């Protein structure tokens, strides 16, 4: 039971209309929530972010133009995600977009 109040509670929604011919709308993939893994602190280039043994249960963002991480093979034969450049806190981790991954194949560790 919600207790009665002297002041009314009001909520409202607004409708947004977009010019569908505008370049920013036409070229975007729409408005969506984004799930991903991001840096909680600044990370230097060449830092192992995580290995296959401690990898979180998530999918990394893909970038065909500006990835900040790569998958490499370690000396013990396992794989790791390593920063390709300095990553600032709050930046999402991303790896190179690969056509073979889109086709269901997985690149061998260190080949990207």
Foldseek 3Di string as FASTA:
>chain_A
DDDDDPDDDDDDDDDDDDDCVDPVNVVDPDDDDDDADFAQAKDAAFAFPFWPVPDDPDDAAEDQPDAQWAWAADPVRTITIGGHGIGGHPDGHYYYDDPCVVVVDDDRGHPD
